[in-house]
Amino acid sequence: MIGFLRGRLAAKHPPQLVLDVGGVGYEVEAPMSTFYGLPGVGAEVSLHTHLVVREDAHVLFGFATERERALFRELIKVSGVGPRIALAILSGVSVDAFHHCIESEDVASLVRVPGIGRKTAERLVIEMRDRLKGIGGAPPGGGSGLPAGTAPSPQAEAFSALVALGYKPAEVTRLLQKVDPAATSTEEMIRHALRAAAG
């Protein structure tokens, strides 16, 4: 099992990035919560990782924090929730917001995540209640542990990320048109678009 990677960020195209570790390029899939904190291409990055082995592929998932990875590992144990849906959940809500959804049995918020139907959301509320205790509360300071960076084209990166989360391109275009003009970063654009989708 590959527990973590530290190397130079060679490319980032949400939800995928390439990490150059000693001359070997590792393709890693990461949630948007991790992408928000990535530095620019060429900078050094450390990621907590989880390797999913399938018959047709080995897929490496990367996370900015231990808590994100821990939640991902608990999510994929739930029936009907595979790595893709777990990634969508982590992209749509923070670890703390997910905790709140489970504790308050907020099925409606979970259903807004692409790929989550009502039955899956209800199953998550039931099955994750006890499992979340092992993940713990918010860390002091709440930082991601990654240096901040800016994307070369925030709108293009936001578009790619929303499509990767399961939204149709036409729907993404419509959502991005509703984004507040004051939102200039990729993170703000995605948050505004997700809010518009939930509205």
N, C-alpha and C. Protein backbone atom coordinates (compact mmCIF):
# COMPACT_ATOMS: atom_id res chain seq x y z
N MET A 1 0.84 -1.20 0.00
CA MET A 1 0.00 0.00 0.00
C MET A 1 0.88 1.25 0.00
N ILE A 2 0.52 2.23 -0.82
CA ILE A 2 1.26 3.51 -0.85
C ILE A 2 0.56 4.46 0.11
N GLY A 3 1.22 4.82 1.21
CA GLY A 3 0.60 5.64 2.25
C GLY A 3 0.64 7.13 1.99
N PHE A 4 1.72 7.61 1.38
CA PHE A 4 1.79 9.04 1.03
C PHE A 4 2.80 9.24 -0.09
N LEU A 5 2.68 10.37 -0.75
CA LEU A 5 3.62 10.75 -1.81
C LEU A 5 4.08 12.18 -1.55
N ARG A 6 5.37 12.43 -1.79
CA ARG A 6 5.89 13.79 -1.74
C ARG A 6 6.71 14.00 -3.00
N GLY A 7 6.35 15.03 -3.74
CA GLY A 7 7.07 15.28 -4.98
C GLY A 7 6.65 16.58 -5.62
N ARG A 8 7.10 16.77 -6.86
CA ARG A 8 6.80 18.01 -7.60
C ARG A 8 5.49 17.85 -8.36
N LEU A 9 4.64 18.85 -8.25
CA LEU A 9 3.36 18.83 -8.96
C LEU A 9 3.64 19.07 -10.44
N ALA A 10 3.46 18.02 -11.25
CA ALA A 10 3.79 18.12 -12.68
C ALA A 10 2.60 18.59 -13.52
N ALA A 11 1.38 18.27 -13.09
CA ALA A 11 0.19 18.68 -13.84
C ALA A 11 -1.02 18.58 -12.94
N LYS A 12 -2.02 19.41 -13.21
CA LYS A 12 -3.29 19.29 -12.47
C LYS A 12 -4.46 19.64 -13.38
N HIS A 13 -5.33 18.67 -13.53
CA HIS A 13 -6.55 18.78 -14.33
C HIS A 13 -7.65 18.10 -13.53
N PRO A 14 -8.36 18.86 -12.67
CA PRO A 14 -9.36 18.25 -11.77
C PRO A 14 -10.22 17.21 -12.48
N PRO A 15 -10.43 16.02 -11.87
CA PRO A 15 -9.97 15.65 -10.52
C PRO A 15 -8.62 14.94 -10.52
N GLN A 16 -7.84 15.04 -11.62
CA GLN A 16 -6.56 14.32 -11.67
C GLN A 16 -5.37 15.27 -11.55
N LEU A 17 -4.31 14.74 -10.96
CA LEU A 17 -3.05 15.47 -10.94
C LEU A 17 -1.93 14.47 -11.14
N VAL A 18 -0.78 14.97 -11.53
CA VAL A 18 0.40 14.12 -11.72
C VAL A 18 1.49 14.63 -10.79
N LEU A 19 2.01 13.71 -9.98
CA LEU A 19 3.06 14.05 -9.03
C LEU A 19 4.35 13.37 -9.47
N ASP A 20 5.39 14.17 -9.68
CA ASP A 20 6.70 13.65 -10.08
C ASP A 20 7.49 13.33 -8.81
N VAL A 21 7.63 12.04 -8.53
CA VAL A 21 8.36 11.59 -7.33
C VAL A 21 9.63 10.89 -7.80
N GLY A 22 10.75 11.58 -7.72
CA GLY A 22 12.02 10.99 -8.13
C GLY A 22 12.06 10.55 -9.58
N GLY A 23 11.40 11.33 -10.45
CA GLY A 23 11.41 11.00 -11.88
C GLY A 23 10.31 10.06 -12.32
N VAL A 24 9.46 9.61 -11.37
CA VAL A 24 8.31 8.76 -11.71
C VAL A 24 7.04 9.58 -11.57
N GLY A 25 6.22 9.64 -12.62
CA GLY A 25 4.99 10.42 -12.58
C GLY A 25 3.82 9.59 -12.07
N TYR A 26 3.33 9.91 -10.88
CA TYR A 26 2.18 9.20 -10.30
C TYR A 26 0.90 9.96 -10.66
N GLU A 27 -0.03 9.26 -11.34
CA GLU A 27 -1.34 9.85 -11.62
C GLU A 27 -2.20 9.64 -10.39
N VAL A 28 -2.73 10.73 -9.86
CA VAL A 28 -3.50 10.69 -8.63
C VAL A 28 -4.84 11.39 -8.85
N GLU A 29 -5.91 10.80 -8.32
CA GLU A 29 -7.22 11.45 -8.35
C GLU A 29 -7.47 12.05 -6.98
N ALA A 30 -7.96 13.28 -6.94
CA ALA A 30 -8.14 13.96 -5.67
C ALA A 30 -9.47 14.71 -5.64
N PRO A 31 -10.06 14.86 -4.44
CA PRO A 31 -11.30 15.63 -4.35
C PRO A 31 -11.01 17.12 -4.51
N MET A 32 -12.05 17.90 -4.80
CA MET A 32 -11.85 19.34 -4.97
C MET A 32 -11.36 20.00 -3.69
N SER A 33 -11.71 19.43 -2.54
CA SER A 33 -11.24 19.99 -1.27
C SER A 33 -9.71 20.00 -1.22
N THR A 34 -9.08 19.02 -1.84
CA THR A 34 -7.62 18.98 -1.92
C THR A 34 -7.10 19.94 -3.00
N PHE A 35 -7.80 19.97 -4.14
CA PHE A 35 -7.38 20.86 -5.23
C PHE A 35 -7.37 22.33 -4.82
N TYR A 36 -8.33 22.71 -3.94
CA TYR A 36 -8.40 24.11 -3.50
C TYR A 36 -7.08 24.60 -2.91
N GLY A 37 -6.35 23.70 -2.25
CA GLY A 37 -5.12 24.11 -1.57
C GLY A 37 -3.84 23.83 -2.32
N LEU A 38 -3.95 23.30 -3.55
CA LEU A 38 -2.72 22.96 -4.29
C LEU A 38 -1.96 24.21 -4.71
N PRO A 39 -0.63 24.15 -4.66
CA PRO A 39 0.17 25.26 -5.18
C PRO A 39 0.22 25.17 -6.71
N GLY A 40 0.99 26.04 -7.33
CA GLY A 40 1.11 26.02 -8.77
C GLY A 40 1.94 24.83 -9.25
N VAL A 41 1.81 24.53 -10.52
CA VAL A 41 2.59 23.43 -11.13
C VAL A 41 4.07 23.73 -10.94
N GLY A 42 4.82 22.70 -10.54
CA GLY A 42 6.26 22.87 -10.31
C GLY A 42 6.62 22.93 -8.84
N ALA A 43 5.63 23.20 -7.98
CA ALA A 43 5.88 23.29 -6.54
C ALA A 43 5.86 21.89 -5.91
N GLU A 44 6.44 21.78 -4.71
CA GLU A 44 6.45 20.49 -4.02
C GLU A 44 5.15 20.31 -3.24
N VAL A 45 4.64 19.07 -3.27
CA VAL A 45 3.37 18.74 -2.62
C VAL A 45 3.52 17.42 -1.87
N SER A 46 2.84 17.31 -0.73
CA SER A 46 2.74 16.03 0.00
C SER A 46 1.27 15.65 0.07
N LEU A 47 0.96 14.41 -0.26
CA LEU A 47 -0.43 13.94 -0.22
C LEU A 47 -0.52 12.61 0.51
N HIS A 48 -1.57 12.46 1.32
CA HIS A 48 -1.91 11.17 1.91
C HIS A 48 -2.63 10.40 0.81
N THR A 49 -2.31 9.12 0.64
CA THR A 49 -2.88 8.40 -0.50
C THR A 49 -3.59 7.10 -0.09
N HIS A 50 -4.45 6.67 -1.00
CA HIS A 50 -5.15 5.39 -0.84
C HIS A 50 -5.17 4.72 -2.21
N LEU A 51 -4.71 3.48 -2.27
CA LEU A 51 -4.64 2.75 -3.53
C LEU A 51 -5.84 1.80 -3.65
N VAL A 52 -6.59 1.96 -4.75
CA VAL A 52 -7.71 1.06 -5.02
C VAL A 52 -7.29 0.12 -6.14
N VAL A 53 -7.31 -1.18 -5.87
CA VAL A 53 -6.90 -2.17 -6.86
C VAL A 53 -8.13 -2.81 -7.47
N ARG A 54 -8.26 -2.67 -8.80
CA ARG A 54 -9.36 -3.30 -9.53
C ARG A 54 -8.77 -4.29 -10.52
N GLU A 55 -9.63 -5.07 -11.13
CA GLU A 55 -9.16 -6.05 -12.13
C GLU A 55 -8.47 -5.36 -13.30
N ASP A 56 -9.03 -4.19 -13.69
CA ASP A 56 -8.53 -3.52 -14.90
C ASP A 56 -7.59 -2.36 -14.62
N ALA A 57 -7.43 -1.97 -13.35
CA ALA A 57 -6.57 -0.82 -13.07
C ALA A 57 -6.23 -0.70 -11.60
N HIS A 58 -5.12 -0.02 -11.32
CA HIS A 58 -4.77 0.39 -9.97
C HIS A 58 -4.95 1.91 -9.95
N VAL A 59 -5.84 2.41 -9.09
CA VAL A 59 -6.13 3.84 -9.05
C VAL A 59 -5.68 4.41 -7.72
N LEU A 60 -4.86 5.47 -7.80
CA LEU A 60 -4.33 6.11 -6.60
C LEU A 60 -5.12 7.38 -6.31
N PHE A 61 -5.61 7.50 -5.09
CA PHE A 61 -6.37 8.68 -4.67
C PHE A 61 -5.53 9.46 -3.67
N GLY A 62 -5.52 10.79 -3.80
CA GLY A 62 -4.70 11.63 -2.92
C GLY A 62 -5.53 12.63 -2.14
N PHE A 63 -5.09 12.92 -0.90
CA PHE A 63 -5.83 13.80 -0.02
C PHE A 63 -4.89 14.74 0.72
N ALA A 64 -5.37 15.97 0.94
CA ALA A 64 -4.54 16.96 1.63
C ALA A 64 -4.38 16.63 3.10
N THR A 65 -5.40 16.01 3.71
CA THR A 65 -5.35 15.74 5.15
C THR A 65 -5.66 14.27 5.45
N GLU A 66 -5.23 13.85 6.63
CA GLU A 66 -5.51 12.49 7.11
C GLU A 66 -7.03 12.30 7.27
N ARG A 67 -7.72 13.37 7.72
CA ARG A 67 -9.16 13.26 7.95
C ARG A 67 -9.92 13.00 6.66
N GLU A 68 -9.50 13.65 5.57
CA GLU A 68 -10.15 13.42 4.27
C GLU A 68 -9.98 11.96 3.85
N ARG A 69 -8.74 11.46 4.00
CA ARG A 69 -8.48 10.08 3.61
C ARG A 69 -9.26 9.11 4.50
N ALA A 70 -9.32 9.40 5.79
CA ALA A 70 -10.05 8.54 6.71
C ALA A 70 -11.54 8.49 6.35
N LEU A 71 -12.11 9.64 6.01
CA LEU A 71 -13.52 9.67 5.62
C LEU A 71 -13.73 8.90 4.32
N PHE A 72 -12.82 9.10 3.35
CA PHE A 72 -12.89 8.38 2.08
C PHE A 72 -12.90 6.86 2.34
N ARG A 73 -12.00 6.41 3.21
CA ARG A 73 -11.90 4.97 3.49
C ARG A 73 -13.17 4.42 4.15
N GLU A 74 -13.80 5.24 4.99
CA GLU A 74 -15.06 4.80 5.61
C GLU A 74 -16.20 4.81 4.59
N LEU A 75 -16.21 5.81 3.73
CA LEU A 75 -17.29 5.93 2.73
C LEU A 75 -17.32 4.73 1.78
N ILE A 76 -16.14 4.29 1.32
CA ILE A 76 -16.13 3.21 0.33
C ILE A 76 -16.50 1.85 0.93
N LYS A 77 -16.64 1.81 2.27
CA LYS A 77 -17.12 0.58 2.91
C LYS A 77 -18.64 0.48 2.87
N VAL A 78 -19.30 1.62 2.58
CA VAL A 78 -20.77 1.65 2.56
C VAL A 78 -21.27 1.05 1.25
N SER A 79 -22.25 0.16 1.34
CA SER A 79 -22.81 -0.48 0.15
C SER A 79 -23.36 0.56 -0.81
N GLY A 80 -22.96 0.47 -2.07
CA GLY A 80 -23.45 1.41 -3.09
C GLY A 80 -22.61 2.65 -3.23
N VAL A 81 -21.58 2.79 -2.39
CA VAL A 81 -20.69 3.97 -2.48
C VAL A 81 -19.30 3.49 -2.88
N GLY A 82 -18.93 3.74 -4.14
CA GLY A 82 -17.59 3.39 -4.61
C GLY A 82 -16.67 4.58 -4.51
N PRO A 83 -15.42 4.43 -4.95
CA PRO A 83 -14.45 5.53 -4.89
C PRO A 83 -14.91 6.80 -5.60
N ARG A 84 -15.59 6.67 -6.76
CA ARG A 84 -16.02 7.87 -7.50
C ARG A 84 -17.03 8.68 -6.69
N ILE A 85 -18.00 7.99 -6.10
CA ILE A 85 -19.02 8.70 -5.31
C ILE A 85 -18.39 9.28 -4.04
N ALA A 86 -17.47 8.53 -3.44
CA ALA A 86 -16.78 9.04 -2.25
C ALA A 86 -16.01 10.32 -2.59
N LEU A 87 -15.39 10.35 -3.76
CA LEU A 87 -14.66 11.54 -4.21
C LEU A 87 -15.62 12.70 -4.43
N ALA A 88 -16.80 12.41 -5.01
CA ALA A 88 -17.81 13.45 -5.24
C ALA A 88 -18.31 14.02 -3.92
N ILE A 89 -18.49 13.15 -2.92
CA ILE A 89 -18.94 13.61 -1.60
C ILE A 89 -17.90 14.56 -0.99
N LEU A 90 -16.62 14.15 -1.03
CA LEU A 90 -15.56 14.99 -0.47
C LEU A 90 -15.38 16.28 -1.26
N SER A 91 -15.75 16.26 -2.54
CA SER A 91 -15.65 17.47 -3.35
C SER A 91 -16.81 18.42 -3.06
N GLY A 92 -17.96 17.84 -2.71
CA GLY A 92 -19.16 18.65 -2.50
C GLY A 92 -19.31 19.20 -1.10
N VAL A 93 -18.78 18.47 -0.09
CA VAL A 93 -18.89 18.92 1.30
C VAL A 93 -17.58 18.69 2.03
N SER A 94 -17.30 19.53 3.01
CA SER A 94 -16.09 19.34 3.82
C SER A 94 -16.32 18.19 4.80
N VAL A 95 -15.24 17.73 5.41
CA VAL A 95 -15.36 16.64 6.39
C VAL A 95 -16.29 17.08 7.53
N ASP A 96 -16.13 18.33 7.98
CA ASP A 96 -16.96 18.84 9.08
C ASP A 96 -18.43 18.95 8.66
N ALA A 97 -18.67 19.43 7.42
CA ALA A 97 -20.04 19.56 6.94
C ALA A 97 -20.69 18.18 6.81
N PHE A 98 -19.89 17.18 6.40
CA PHE A 98 -20.41 15.81 6.29
C PHE A 98 -20.79 15.29 7.67
N HIS A 99 -19.94 15.56 8.66
CA HIS A 99 -20.24 15.19 10.05
C HIS A 99 -21.60 15.76 10.45
N HIS A 100 -21.78 17.04 10.12
CA HIS A 100 -23.03 17.73 10.51
C HIS A 100 -24.23 17.09 9.81
N CYS A 101 -24.08 16.76 8.51
CA CYS A 101 -25.18 16.13 7.76
C CYS A 101 -25.59 14.80 8.41
N ILE A 102 -24.60 14.02 8.83
CA ILE A 102 -24.90 12.71 9.43
C ILE A 102 -25.53 12.89 10.80
N GLU A 103 -24.95 13.79 11.61
CA GLU A 103 -25.47 14.00 12.97
C GLU A 103 -26.89 14.55 12.95
N SER A 104 -27.19 15.44 11.98
CA SER A 104 -28.53 16.05 11.92
C SER A 104 -29.47 15.28 10.99
N GLU A 105 -28.97 14.15 10.45
CA GLU A 105 -29.75 13.31 9.52
C GLU A 105 -30.29 14.14 8.35
N ASP A 106 -29.39 15.00 7.82
CA ASP A 106 -29.75 15.90 6.72
C ASP A 106 -29.60 15.17 5.38
N VAL A 107 -30.60 14.34 5.07
CA VAL A 107 -30.59 13.56 3.82
C VAL A 107 -30.66 14.49 2.61
N ALA A 108 -31.41 15.58 2.72
CA ALA A 108 -31.62 16.52 1.59
C ALA A 108 -30.29 17.08 1.08
N SER A 109 -29.38 17.43 1.99
CA SER A 109 -28.09 17.98 1.57
C SER A 109 -27.24 16.93 0.86
N LEU A 110 -27.29 15.69 1.34
CA LEU A 110 -26.51 14.62 0.72
C LEU A 110 -27.01 14.29 -0.67
N VAL A 111 -28.33 14.37 -0.88
CA VAL A 111 -28.92 14.05 -2.19
C VAL A 111 -28.45 15.04 -3.26
N ARG A 112 -28.03 16.24 -2.83
CA ARG A 112 -27.58 17.26 -3.81
C ARG A 112 -26.22 16.91 -4.43
N VAL A 113 -25.50 16.00 -3.80
CA VAL A 113 -24.20 15.57 -4.35
C VAL A 113 -24.46 14.67 -5.56
N PRO A 114 -23.84 14.95 -6.73
CA PRO A 114 -24.05 14.11 -7.92
C PRO A 114 -23.75 12.64 -7.63
N GLY A 115 -24.67 11.76 -8.04
CA GLY A 115 -24.46 10.33 -7.86
C GLY A 115 -25.09 9.78 -6.59
N ILE A 116 -25.59 10.67 -5.71
CA ILE A 116 -26.21 10.23 -4.46
C ILE A 116 -27.73 10.32 -4.58
N GLY A 117 -28.38 9.17 -4.56
CA GLY A 117 -29.84 9.13 -4.56
C GLY A 117 -30.35 9.11 -3.12
N ARG A 118 -31.67 9.18 -2.96
CA ARG A 118 -32.24 9.23 -1.61
C ARG A 118 -31.89 7.98 -0.80
N LYS A 119 -31.98 6.80 -1.42
CA LYS A 119 -31.69 5.56 -0.68
C LYS A 119 -30.24 5.51 -0.21
N THR A 120 -29.33 5.93 -1.09
CA THR A 120 -27.90 5.94 -0.71
C THR A 120 -27.66 6.94 0.41
N ALA A 121 -28.31 8.12 0.32
CA ALA A 121 -28.16 9.14 1.35
C ALA A 121 -28.65 8.62 2.71
N GLU A 122 -29.79 7.94 2.69
CA GLU A 122 -30.35 7.39 3.94
C GLU A 122 -29.43 6.31 4.51
N ARG A 123 -28.84 5.50 3.60
CA ARG A 123 -27.91 4.46 4.04
C ARG A 123 -26.66 5.09 4.67
N LEU A 124 -26.19 6.18 4.07
CA LEU A 124 -25.02 6.88 4.61
C LEU A 124 -25.30 7.38 6.02
N VAL A 125 -26.47 7.97 6.23
CA VAL A 125 -26.83 8.50 7.55
C VAL A 125 -26.81 7.39 8.59
N ILE A 126 -27.36 6.23 8.23
CA ILE A 126 -27.44 5.11 9.17
C ILE A 126 -26.07 4.48 9.41
N GLU A 127 -25.34 4.19 8.32
CA GLU A 127 -24.08 3.44 8.46
C GLU A 127 -22.90 4.28 8.92
N MET A 128 -22.93 5.59 8.62
CA MET A 128 -21.76 6.42 8.94
C MET A 128 -21.80 6.99 10.35
N ARG A 129 -22.95 6.90 11.02
CA ARG A 129 -23.09 7.52 12.34
C ARG A 129 -22.00 7.04 13.31
N ASP A 130 -21.81 5.74 13.38
CA ASP A 130 -20.80 5.20 14.30
C ASP A 130 -19.38 5.30 13.74
N ARG A 131 -19.27 5.18 12.43
CA ARG A 131 -17.93 5.20 11.82
C ARG A 131 -17.26 6.57 11.93
N LEU A 132 -18.04 7.64 11.98
CA LEU A 132 -17.47 8.98 12.04
C LEU A 132 -16.74 9.24 13.35
N LYS A 133 -17.08 8.48 14.39
CA LYS A 133 -16.43 8.68 15.68
C LYS A 133 -14.93 8.44 15.60
N GLY A 134 -14.52 7.54 14.71
CA GLY A 134 -13.10 7.24 14.55
C GLY A 134 -12.34 8.32 13.80
N ILE A 135 -13.07 9.19 13.09
CA ILE A 135 -12.41 10.23 12.29
C ILE A 135 -12.13 11.46 13.15
N GLY A 136 -12.98 11.72 14.14
CA GLY A 136 -12.73 12.83 15.06
C GLY A 136 -13.23 14.16 14.54
N GLY A 137 -13.14 15.15 15.41
CA GLY A 137 -13.64 16.49 15.09
C GLY A 137 -12.65 17.28 14.26
N ALA A 138 -12.95 18.56 14.13
CA ALA A 138 -12.13 19.44 13.30
C ALA A 138 -10.75 19.63 13.92
N PRO A 139 -9.70 19.60 13.10
CA PRO A 139 -8.36 19.82 13.65
C PRO A 139 -8.16 21.28 14.02
N PRO A 140 -7.29 21.60 14.99
CA PRO A 140 -7.06 22.99 15.36
C PRO A 140 -6.59 23.78 14.15
N GLY A 141 -7.17 24.95 13.96
CA GLY A 141 -6.77 25.80 12.83
C GLY A 141 -7.48 25.46 11.55
N GLY A 142 -7.87 24.21 11.36
CA GLY A 142 -8.66 23.81 10.20
C GLY A 142 -7.94 23.93 8.87
N GLY A 143 -6.62 24.06 8.86
CA GLY A 143 -5.90 24.22 7.60
C GLY A 143 -5.77 22.93 6.84
N SER A 144 -5.50 23.04 5.54
CA SER A 144 -5.40 21.84 4.71
C SER A 144 -4.00 21.24 4.76
N GLY A 145 -3.00 22.05 5.19
CA GLY A 145 -1.64 21.54 5.25
C GLY A 145 -0.91 21.73 3.93
N LEU A 146 -1.59 22.34 2.95
CA LEU A 146 -0.95 22.59 1.66
C LEU A 146 -0.84 24.08 1.44
N PRO A 147 0.24 24.56 0.83
CA PRO A 147 0.33 25.99 0.55
C PRO A 147 -0.70 26.41 -0.47
N ALA A 148 -1.17 27.66 -0.35
CA ALA A 148 -2.20 28.15 -1.28
C ALA A 148 -1.58 28.44 -2.64
N GLY A 149 -2.39 28.32 -3.68
CA GLY A 149 -1.91 28.62 -5.02
C GLY A 149 -3.06 29.06 -5.89
N THR A 150 -2.77 29.63 -7.04
CA THR A 150 -3.83 30.08 -7.93
C THR A 150 -3.75 29.31 -9.23
N ALA A 151 -4.91 29.00 -9.79
CA ALA A 151 -4.97 28.27 -11.05
C ALA A 151 -4.76 29.25 -12.19
N PRO A 152 -4.14 28.81 -13.30
CA PRO A 152 -3.92 29.73 -14.42
C PRO A 152 -5.24 30.22 -15.02
N SER A 153 -6.28 29.40 -15.01
CA SER A 153 -7.58 29.81 -15.54
C SER A 153 -8.67 29.27 -14.61
N PRO A 154 -9.06 30.06 -13.61
CA PRO A 154 -10.03 29.59 -12.62
C PRO A 154 -11.34 29.11 -13.22
N GLN A 155 -11.86 29.83 -14.23
CA GLN A 155 -13.14 29.44 -14.82
C GLN A 155 -13.03 28.08 -15.51
N ALA A 156 -11.94 27.86 -16.25
CA ALA A 156 -11.75 26.59 -16.95
C ALA A 156 -11.57 25.45 -15.94
N GLU A 157 -10.85 25.73 -14.86
CA GLU A 157 -10.63 24.70 -13.85
C GLU A 157 -11.93 24.38 -13.11
N ALA A 158 -12.74 25.41 -12.85
CA ALA A 158 -14.04 25.20 -12.21
C ALA A 158 -14.95 24.38 -13.11
N PHE A 159 -14.92 24.69 -14.41
CA PHE A 159 -15.75 23.95 -15.38
C PHE A 159 -15.36 22.47 -15.38
N SER A 160 -14.06 22.19 -15.49
CA SER A 160 -13.57 20.81 -15.52
C SER A 160 -13.95 20.06 -14.25
N ALA A 161 -13.81 20.75 -13.11
CA ALA A 161 -14.09 20.11 -11.83
C ALA A 161 -15.57 19.75 -11.70
N LEU A 162 -16.45 20.64 -12.12
CA LEU A 162 -17.89 20.39 -12.02
C LEU A 162 -18.33 19.26 -12.95
N VAL A 163 -17.73 19.20 -14.14
CA VAL A 163 -18.03 18.10 -15.06
C VAL A 163 -17.55 16.78 -14.45
N ALA A 164 -16.36 16.82 -13.85
CA ALA A 164 -15.81 15.61 -13.22
C ALA A 164 -16.67 15.14 -12.04
N LEU A 165 -17.39 16.08 -11.43
CA LEU A 165 -18.26 15.74 -10.31
C LEU A 165 -19.60 15.15 -10.76
N GLY A 166 -19.83 15.13 -12.07
CA GLY A 166 -21.04 14.48 -12.55
C GLY A 166 -22.06 15.39 -13.22
N TYR A 167 -21.78 16.70 -13.26
CA TYR A 167 -22.71 17.62 -13.92
C TYR A 167 -22.48 17.62 -15.43
N LYS A 168 -23.56 17.76 -16.20
CA LYS A 168 -23.45 17.81 -17.67
C LYS A 168 -22.86 19.17 -18.07
N PRO A 169 -22.05 19.20 -19.15
CA PRO A 169 -21.42 20.46 -19.58
C PRO A 169 -22.39 21.63 -19.72
N ALA A 170 -23.58 21.37 -20.31
CA ALA A 170 -24.56 22.45 -20.48
C ALA A 170 -25.03 22.99 -19.14
N GLU A 171 -25.20 22.07 -18.17
CA GLU A 171 -25.62 22.46 -16.83
C GLU A 171 -24.52 23.26 -16.14
N VAL A 172 -23.26 22.86 -16.35
CA VAL A 172 -22.13 23.58 -15.75
C VAL A 172 -22.06 25.00 -16.30
N THR A 173 -22.24 25.14 -17.59
CA THR A 173 -22.23 26.47 -18.21
C THR A 173 -23.29 27.35 -17.58
N ARG A 174 -24.49 26.78 -17.40
CA ARG A 174 -25.60 27.54 -16.80
C ARG A 174 -25.27 27.93 -15.35
N LEU A 175 -24.69 26.99 -14.60
CA LEU A 175 -24.35 27.27 -13.20
C LEU A 175 -23.27 28.35 -13.08
N LEU A 176 -22.27 28.26 -13.96
CA LEU A 176 -21.17 29.24 -13.89
C LEU A 176 -21.63 30.64 -14.29
N GLN A 177 -22.70 30.72 -15.09
CA GLN A 177 -23.24 32.03 -15.46
C GLN A 177 -23.89 32.72 -14.26
N LYS A 178 -24.30 31.89 -13.27
CA LYS A 178 -24.95 32.43 -12.07
C LYS A 178 -23.94 32.84 -11.00
N VAL A 179 -22.68 32.51 -11.24
CA VAL A 179 -21.64 32.80 -10.24
C VAL A 179 -21.46 34.31 -10.09
N ASP A 180 -21.34 34.75 -8.85
CA ASP A 180 -21.11 36.16 -8.54
C ASP A 180 -19.84 36.63 -9.24
N PRO A 181 -19.90 37.74 -9.99
CA PRO A 181 -18.70 38.25 -10.68
C PRO A 181 -17.53 38.52 -9.74
N ALA A 182 -17.84 38.73 -8.45
CA ALA A 182 -16.77 38.99 -7.48
C ALA A 182 -15.97 37.73 -7.18
N ALA A 183 -16.51 36.56 -7.54
CA ALA A 183 -15.80 35.30 -7.30
C ALA A 183 -14.73 35.14 -8.37
N THR A 184 -13.49 35.25 -7.97
CA THR A 184 -12.40 35.20 -8.96
C THR A 184 -11.56 33.93 -8.87
N SER A 185 -11.63 33.23 -7.75
CA SER A 185 -10.82 32.01 -7.62
C SER A 185 -11.64 30.79 -8.02
N THR A 186 -10.93 29.72 -8.37
CA THR A 186 -11.59 28.46 -8.73
C THR A 186 -12.48 27.99 -7.59
N GLU A 187 -11.95 28.06 -6.37
CA GLU A 187 -12.69 27.60 -5.19
C GLU A 187 -14.01 28.35 -5.04
N GLU A 188 -13.96 29.69 -5.16
CA GLU A 188 -15.18 30.50 -5.01
C GLU A 188 -16.19 30.17 -6.11
N MET A 189 -15.70 30.02 -7.34
CA MET A 189 -16.60 29.72 -8.46
C MET A 189 -17.32 28.39 -8.25
N ILE A 190 -16.57 27.37 -7.81
CA ILE A 190 -17.16 26.05 -7.59
C ILE A 190 -18.17 26.13 -6.46
N ARG A 191 -17.82 26.83 -5.38
CA ARG A 191 -18.75 26.94 -4.24
C ARG A 191 -20.03 27.65 -4.66
N HIS A 192 -19.90 28.75 -5.42
CA HIS A 192 -21.09 29.48 -5.87
C HIS A 192 -21.95 28.59 -6.78
N ALA A 193 -21.28 27.86 -7.68
CA ALA A 193 -22.00 27.00 -8.62
C ALA A 193 -22.73 25.88 -7.89
N LEU A 194 -22.06 25.28 -6.90
CA LEU A 194 -22.70 24.20 -6.13
C LEU A 194 -23.87 24.74 -5.32
N ARG A 195 -23.74 25.99 -4.84
CA ARG A 195 -24.84 26.61 -4.11
C ARG A 195 -26.04 26.84 -5.05
N ALA A 196 -25.72 27.28 -6.28
CA ALA A 196 -26.78 27.52 -7.27
C ALA A 196 -27.48 26.22 -7.62
N ALA A 197 -26.70 25.12 -7.72
CA ALA A 197 -27.28 23.82 -8.06
C ALA A 197 -28.20 23.32 -6.96
N ALA A 198 -27.85 23.67 -5.72
CA ALA A 198 -28.65 23.22 -4.57
C ALA A 198 -29.90 24.06 -4.36
N GLY A 199 -29.90 25.26 -4.97
CA GLY A 199 -30.99 26.21 -4.73
C GLY A 199 -32.27 25.88 -5.45
